[in-house]
Amino acid sequence: MDKGTGTGAADGWDSWDDLRIFLALARHRTHAAAARALGVNATTIGRRVHALESRLGARVFARTPSGFAVTDEGGALLPHAEAVEAQVSAAGRALGGAGARLEGVLRLTAGDGVSTYVLAPRLLAFRRAHPGIRFEIRADNRTLDLSRREADIAVRLVRPRERSLVARRLGAMPFAAYASEEYLRRAGRPRSVGDAATHDWIDFDAALDRTPTSRWLRKHLPAARLVVRSNATTVLVAACAAGHGLLLIPPSFARLEPSLVRVLPPSLFPPAEVWAVTHPDLFPSPRIKAVLAWLVQAFASPDLT
């Protein structure tokens, strides 16, 4: 928008950035969380929202004990901002899927464990074959919104629920129980699920209760003593290696921690399905298809079992 015309002031905002910041604060409730989502400073959020409210002549947020809440005026603006966001995202997907050359930025998201122990070690061979593709790997155990271009491709250890996305099954990832040698010397070695119920366990925090490990523990050890919880797989692996308790992880993760020892029969733990998902507007892109083919090969690697 041409700021020199004064149109932005008349309409109440100067650019799409105003609406992005409005939506981020509406969804995340605090300046700090909205800033992290957009990759800007928290002071920028507050300053831009204040400027927007000044131009509109209305308060679009009210401060509450749990964060910022959208006012009635902000609620009237919200569906229009979301409609603009959808159009901008659709335009971005169309541009991203139109290029025939294998170059550009590819935003790939996966849990931090998969990102650290599976994707990063296998990425060099792909980049040598396709040097024009630059990767942004977002290691996040949350389910990101691909329709908003939070990522181009997501790798998940749960079956996708969104019917609007294109999903490809990459294979299955086995899980096993591990503990450090130091912990086993101190607490003894469990040999059955009954034994395991008396041990300390390490697992994801409650916000990630859909993970394969959390589901297994809830089903088989509902009273498990969870002594360390985290939203990051790498933190859980480090805690296990330090001797805090038992942990369910794929064997490929444990191989990089020499102090970890497998305990309990591996047949107790069903493998997790691994899926890659992308938006249908991006799926025709040769760049997307090349990365999907690489992911299929990566998860078929024998050293992941």
Protein backbone atom coordinates (compact mmCIF):
# COMPACT_ATOMS: atom_id res chain seq x y z
CA MET A 1 0.00 0.00 0.00
CA ASP A 2 1.30 3.47 -0.91
CA LYS A 3 1.68 5.26 2.41
CA GLY A 4 2.17 8.55 0.61
CA THR A 5 -1.48 8.63 -0.51
CA GLY A 6 -2.84 8.62 3.03
CA THR A 7 -5.02 5.64 2.18
CA GLY A 8 -3.64 3.61 5.08
CA ALA A 9 -4.66 6.23 7.65
CA ALA A 10 -8.15 6.48 6.18
CA ASP A 11 -8.65 2.73 6.19
CA GLY A 12 -7.23 2.29 9.69
CA TRP A 13 -4.04 0.40 8.81
CA ASP A 14 -1.01 0.87 6.65
CA SER A 15 -0.20 -2.67 5.55
CA TRP A 16 -0.76 -6.39 5.92
CA ASP A 17 1.81 -6.25 8.73
CA ASP A 18 -0.74 -4.46 10.93
CA LEU A 19 -3.22 -7.30 10.46
CA ARG A 20 -0.52 -9.96 11.03
CA ILE A 21 0.35 -8.36 14.36
CA PHE A 22 -3.32 -8.01 15.31
CA LEU A 23 -3.93 -11.70 14.56
CA ALA A 24 -0.80 -12.84 16.37
CA LEU A 25 -1.75 -11.04 19.57
CA ALA A 26 -5.36 -12.25 19.30
CA ARG A 27 -4.13 -15.85 19.09
CA HIS A 28 -1.20 -15.80 21.52
CA ARG A 29 -2.55 -13.35 24.12
CA THR A 30 0.82 -11.83 25.16
CA HIS A 31 3.29 -9.50 23.46
CA ALA A 32 6.14 -11.97 24.04
CA ALA A 33 4.30 -14.99 22.57
CA ALA A 34 3.05 -13.00 19.57
CA ALA A 35 6.57 -11.68 18.98
CA ARG A 36 8.01 -15.21 19.01
CA ALA A 37 5.38 -16.34 16.51
CA LEU A 38 6.28 -13.52 14.11
CA GLY A 39 10.01 -13.35 14.78
CA VAL A 40 9.97 -9.71 15.94
CA ASN A 41 10.59 -7.87 19.21
CA ALA A 42 7.87 -7.72 21.85
CA THR A 43 8.15 -3.94 21.86
CA THR A 44 7.25 -3.95 18.17
CA ILE A 45 4.00 -5.74 18.95
CA GLY A 46 2.95 -3.23 21.56
CA ARG A 47 3.97 -0.23 19.46
CA ARG A 48 2.19 -1.41 16.30
CA VAL A 49 -1.00 -2.36 18.15
CA HIS A 50 -1.06 1.02 19.89
CA ALA A 51 -0.58 2.77 16.55
CA LEU A 52 -3.35 0.69 14.96
CA GLU A 53 -5.77 1.53 17.77
CA SER A 54 -4.90 5.22 17.44
CA ARG A 55 -5.64 5.19 13.72
CA LEU A 56 -8.87 3.23 14.19
CA GLY A 57 -9.98 5.37 17.11
CA ALA A 58 -10.98 2.19 18.98
CA ARG A 59 -9.49 -0.28 21.42
CA VAL A 60 -9.13 -3.70 19.78
CA PHE A 61 -7.57 -5.38 22.85
CA ALA A 62 -8.25 -5.29 26.57
CA ARG A 63 -5.66 -6.38 29.13
CA THR A 64 -6.81 -9.25 31.37
CA PRO A 65 -5.04 -11.36 34.03
CA SER A 66 -4.49 -14.11 31.43
CA GLY A 67 -3.26 -11.79 28.70
CA PHE A 68 -4.76 -9.58 26.02
CA ALA A 69 -8.36 -10.31 24.98
CA VAL A 70 -10.05 -9.09 21.81
CA THR A 71 -12.66 -6.39 22.51
CA ASP A 72 -16.00 -6.11 20.69
CA GLU A 73 -14.36 -3.76 18.21
CA GLY A 74 -11.49 -6.19 17.75
CA GLY A 75 -13.99 -9.02 17.31
CA ALA A 76 -15.58 -7.11 14.44
CA LEU A 77 -12.16 -6.76 12.81
CA LEU A 78 -11.12 -10.38 13.39
CA PRO A 79 -13.00 -12.16 10.55
CA HIS A 80 -11.83 -9.56 8.04
CA ALA A 81 -8.22 -9.94 9.15
CA GLU A 82 -8.52 -13.73 8.89
CA ALA A 83 -9.97 -13.42 5.39
CA VAL A 84 -7.02 -11.25 4.30
CA GLU A 85 -4.63 -13.75 5.91
CA ALA A 86 -6.23 -16.61 3.96
CA GLN A 87 -5.86 -14.70 0.68
CA VAL A 88 -2.23 -13.80 1.38
CA SER A 89 -1.46 -17.41 2.32
CA ALA A 90 -3.18 -18.70 -0.82
CA ALA A 91 -1.14 -16.32 -2.97
CA GLY A 92 2.06 -17.45 -1.25
CA ARG A 93 1.22 -21.12 -1.78
CA ALA A 94 0.43 -20.50 -5.44
CA LEU A 95 3.77 -18.78 -5.94
CA GLY A 96 5.59 -21.43 -3.95
CA GLY A 97 4.07 -24.25 -5.94
CA ALA A 98 4.48 -22.72 -9.35
CA GLY A 99 8.25 -22.77 -9.70
CA ALA A 100 9.64 -25.60 -11.79
CA ARG A 101 13.24 -25.17 -10.66
CA LEU A 102 14.63 -27.06 -7.69
CA GLU A 103 15.69 -23.99 -5.76
CA GLY A 104 14.45 -21.68 -3.06
CA VAL A 105 13.68 -21.94 0.64
CA LEU A 106 11.90 -25.05 1.94
CA ARG A 107 10.34 -24.76 5.39
CA LEU A 108 10.31 -28.20 7.02
CA THR A 109 8.92 -28.89 10.48
CA ALA A 110 9.24 -31.95 12.68
CA GLY A 111 9.61 -32.72 16.34
CA ASP A 112 12.98 -31.79 17.76
CA GLY A 113 13.92 -35.46 18.14
CA VAL A 114 13.19 -36.30 14.50
CA SER A 115 14.85 -33.05 13.40
CA THR A 116 18.00 -33.73 15.44
CA TYR A 117 18.43 -37.49 15.15
CA VAL A 118 16.90 -38.28 11.73
CA LEU A 119 16.65 -35.29 9.40
CA ALA A 120 19.77 -33.21 10.08
CA PRO A 121 22.23 -36.16 9.81
CA ARG A 122 20.74 -37.20 6.43
CA LEU A 123 20.29 -33.77 4.90
CA LEU A 124 23.76 -33.32 3.42
CA ALA A 125 23.30 -35.93 0.68
CA PHE A 126 20.07 -34.25 -0.44
CA ARG A 127 21.66 -30.80 -0.47
CA ARG A 128 24.55 -32.06 -2.56
CA ALA A 129 22.05 -33.36 -5.12
CA HIS A 130 19.93 -30.18 -4.99
CA PRO A 131 22.21 -27.30 -3.94
CA GLY A 132 19.61 -24.69 -4.92
CA ILE A 133 17.26 -25.70 -2.10
CA ARG A 134 17.84 -24.00 1.23
CA PHE A 135 16.24 -25.51 4.31
CA GLU A 136 14.61 -23.85 7.29
CA ILE A 137 13.98 -26.64 9.80
CA ARG A 138 11.55 -25.73 12.55
CA ALA A 139 12.03 -28.25 15.36
CA ASP A 140 8.64 -28.08 17.03
CA ASN A 141 6.64 -30.86 18.63
CA ARG A 142 3.41 -28.93 18.16
CA THR A 143 1.20 -29.37 15.10
CA LEU A 144 1.84 -26.29 12.98
CA ASP A 145 -0.77 -24.83 10.63
CA LEU A 146 0.31 -25.46 7.03
CA SER A 147 -2.58 -23.44 5.62
CA ARG A 148 -0.97 -20.36 7.19
CA ARG A 149 2.45 -21.21 5.73
CA GLU A 150 3.96 -21.94 9.15
CA ALA A 151 5.75 -24.69 7.21
CA ASP A 152 5.76 -26.18 3.71
CA ILE A 153 6.12 -29.81 4.81
CA ALA A 154 5.50 -31.32 8.24
CA VAL A 155 6.76 -34.69 9.47
CA ARG A 156 4.51 -36.15 12.14
CA LEU A 157 4.45 -39.30 14.26
CA VAL A 158 0.65 -39.31 14.33
CA ARG A 159 -1.81 -39.84 11.49
CA PRO A 160 -2.84 -36.45 10.06
CA ARG A 161 -6.37 -35.33 10.89
CA GLU A 162 -6.69 -32.48 8.38
CA ARG A 163 -8.53 -33.72 5.30
CA SER A 164 -7.51 -30.55 3.47
CA LEU A 165 -3.82 -31.59 3.41
CA VAL A 166 -1.94 -34.03 1.19
CA ALA A 167 -0.49 -36.80 3.36
CA ARG A 168 2.12 -39.43 2.54
CA ARG A 169 2.99 -42.29 4.85
CA LEU A 170 6.76 -42.48 5.26
CA GLY A 171 6.92 -45.70 7.24
CA ALA A 172 6.94 -46.71 10.88
CA MET A 173 9.35 -45.80 13.64
CA PRO A 174 9.98 -48.37 16.41
CA PHE A 175 10.18 -47.42 20.07
CA ALA A 176 11.93 -49.04 23.01
CA ALA A 177 12.52 -48.30 26.70
CA TYR A 178 15.93 -47.01 27.76
CA ALA A 179 17.73 -46.06 30.93
CA SER A 180 21.26 -45.05 31.79
CA GLU A 181 23.67 -47.57 33.29
CA GLU A 182 23.97 -45.38 36.36
CA TYR A 183 20.19 -45.40 36.88
CA LEU A 184 20.01 -49.19 36.50
CA ARG A 185 22.78 -49.68 39.07
CA ARG A 186 20.82 -47.53 41.48
CA ALA A 187 17.24 -48.68 40.81
CA GLY A 188 17.60 -52.15 39.30
CA ARG A 189 16.68 -53.39 35.83
CA PRO A 190 12.97 -53.75 35.02
CA ARG A 191 12.06 -56.91 33.13
CA SER A 192 8.30 -56.55 32.77
CA VAL A 193 5.61 -53.88 32.65
CA GLY A 194 4.87 -54.71 36.27
CA ASP A 195 8.47 -54.00 37.20
CA ALA A 196 8.41 -50.76 35.22
CA ALA A 197 5.50 -49.46 37.28
CA THR A 198 7.82 -49.09 40.28
CA HIS A 199 10.42 -47.04 38.37
CA ASP A 200 10.85 -43.35 37.64
CA TRP A 201 9.80 -42.28 34.13
CA ILE A 202 10.60 -39.38 31.83
CA ASP A 203 8.06 -38.14 29.29
CA PHE A 204 6.66 -35.18 27.39
CA ASP A 205 4.67 -32.56 29.22
CA ALA A 206 0.88 -32.57 29.28
CA ALA A 207 0.58 -30.32 26.23
CA LEU A 208 1.99 -33.15 24.08
CA ASP A 209 -0.19 -35.99 25.33
CA ARG A 210 -0.82 -37.26 21.77
CA THR A 211 2.74 -38.47 21.36
CA PRO A 212 3.18 -42.27 21.03
CA THR A 213 5.10 -42.47 24.31
CA SER A 214 2.50 -40.55 26.31
CA ARG A 215 -0.32 -42.68 24.91
CA TRP A 216 1.51 -45.91 25.82
CA LEU A 217 2.24 -44.75 29.36
CA ARG A 218 -1.37 -43.65 29.93
CA LYS A 219 -2.64 -47.01 28.72
CA HIS A 220 -0.19 -49.39 30.40
CA LEU A 221 1.19 -47.40 33.34
CA PRO A 222 -1.48 -44.83 34.25
CA ALA A 223 0.10 -44.31 37.67
CA ALA A 224 3.64 -43.95 36.31
CA ARG A 225 5.87 -41.70 38.42
CA LEU A 226 6.88 -38.96 35.96
CA VAL A 227 9.93 -37.29 37.49
CA VAL A 228 11.02 -35.18 34.52
CA ARG A 229 8.76 -33.78 31.79
CA SER A 230 9.62 -31.49 28.90
CA ASN A 231 8.31 -30.30 25.55
CA ALA A 232 11.63 -31.25 23.90
CA THR A 233 12.83 -34.75 23.01
CA THR A 234 16.46 -33.71 23.27
CA VAL A 235 15.90 -32.60 26.87
CA LEU A 236 14.24 -35.93 27.69
CA VAL A 237 17.14 -37.88 26.17
CA ALA A 238 19.63 -35.79 28.15
CA ALA A 239 17.65 -36.40 31.35
CA CYS A 240 17.62 -40.13 30.69
CA ALA A 241 21.36 -40.18 30.04
CA ALA A 242 21.86 -38.29 33.32
CA GLY A 243 20.14 -41.08 35.23
CA HIS A 244 16.70 -39.67 36.04
CA GLY A 245 14.65 -42.67 34.93
CA LEU A 246 13.20 -44.70 32.05
CA LEU A 247 12.36 -43.18 28.68
CA LEU A 248 10.57 -44.41 25.56
CA ILE A 249 12.40 -43.30 22.41
CA PRO A 250 13.25 -44.72 18.98
CA PRO A 251 16.45 -46.82 18.96
CA SER A 252 17.98 -44.45 16.40
CA PHE A 253 17.81 -41.64 18.99
CA ALA A 254 19.39 -43.77 21.72
CA ARG A 255 22.36 -44.80 19.57
CA LEU A 256 23.76 -41.30 19.85
CA GLU A 257 23.85 -41.57 23.66
CA PRO A 258 26.37 -44.32 24.55
CA SER A 259 25.30 -44.41 28.21
CA LEU A 260 21.75 -45.57 27.38
CA VAL A 261 20.81 -49.23 27.75
CA ARG A 262 17.69 -50.84 26.30
CA VAL A 263 15.39 -52.39 28.91
CA LEU A 264 12.13 -54.36 28.64
CA PRO A 265 11.17 -56.49 25.60
CA PRO A 266 10.87 -54.27 22.49
CA SER A 267 7.70 -56.14 21.48
CA LEU A 268 5.85 -54.27 24.25
CA PHE A 269 5.94 -51.03 22.29
CA PRO A 270 4.10 -50.65 18.98
CA PRO A 271 5.84 -48.60 16.28
CA ALA A 272 4.58 -45.12 15.45
CA GLU A 273 3.43 -44.30 11.95
CA VAL A 274 5.44 -41.52 10.31
CA TRP A 275 3.66 -39.15 7.94
CA ALA A 276 4.62 -36.20 5.79
CA VAL A 277 1.96 -33.60 5.04
CA THR A 278 1.86 -30.60 2.78
CA HIS A 279 -0.73 -28.23 1.38
CA PRO A 280 -2.37 -29.29 -1.92
CA ASP A 281 -1.42 -25.95 -3.49
CA LEU A 282 2.25 -26.77 -2.91
CA PHE A 283 2.14 -30.47 -3.75
CA PRO A 284 2.66 -30.00 -7.54
CA SER A 285 5.94 -28.18 -6.93
CA PRO A 286 9.00 -30.21 -8.04
CA ARG A 287 10.80 -28.88 -4.97
CA ILE A 288 8.13 -30.31 -2.65
CA LYS A 289 8.07 -33.62 -4.50
CA ALA A 290 11.85 -33.93 -4.33
CA VAL A 291 11.85 -33.40 -0.57
CA LEU A 292 8.98 -35.85 -0.08
CA ALA A 293 10.90 -38.49 -2.04
CA TRP A 294 13.97 -37.84 0.12
CA LEU A 295 11.86 -38.22 3.29
CA VAL A 296 10.57 -41.60 2.08
CA GLN A 297 14.17 -42.76 1.62
CA ALA A 298 15.28 -41.30 4.95
CA PHE A 299 12.65 -43.16 6.95
CA ALA A 300 13.30 -46.39 5.03
CA SER A 301 16.93 -46.36 6.21
CA PRO A 302 17.83 -49.61 8.01
CA ASP A 303 19.61 -47.78 10.81
CA LEU A 304 16.31 -46.30 12.03
CA THR A 305 15.13 -49.71 13.26
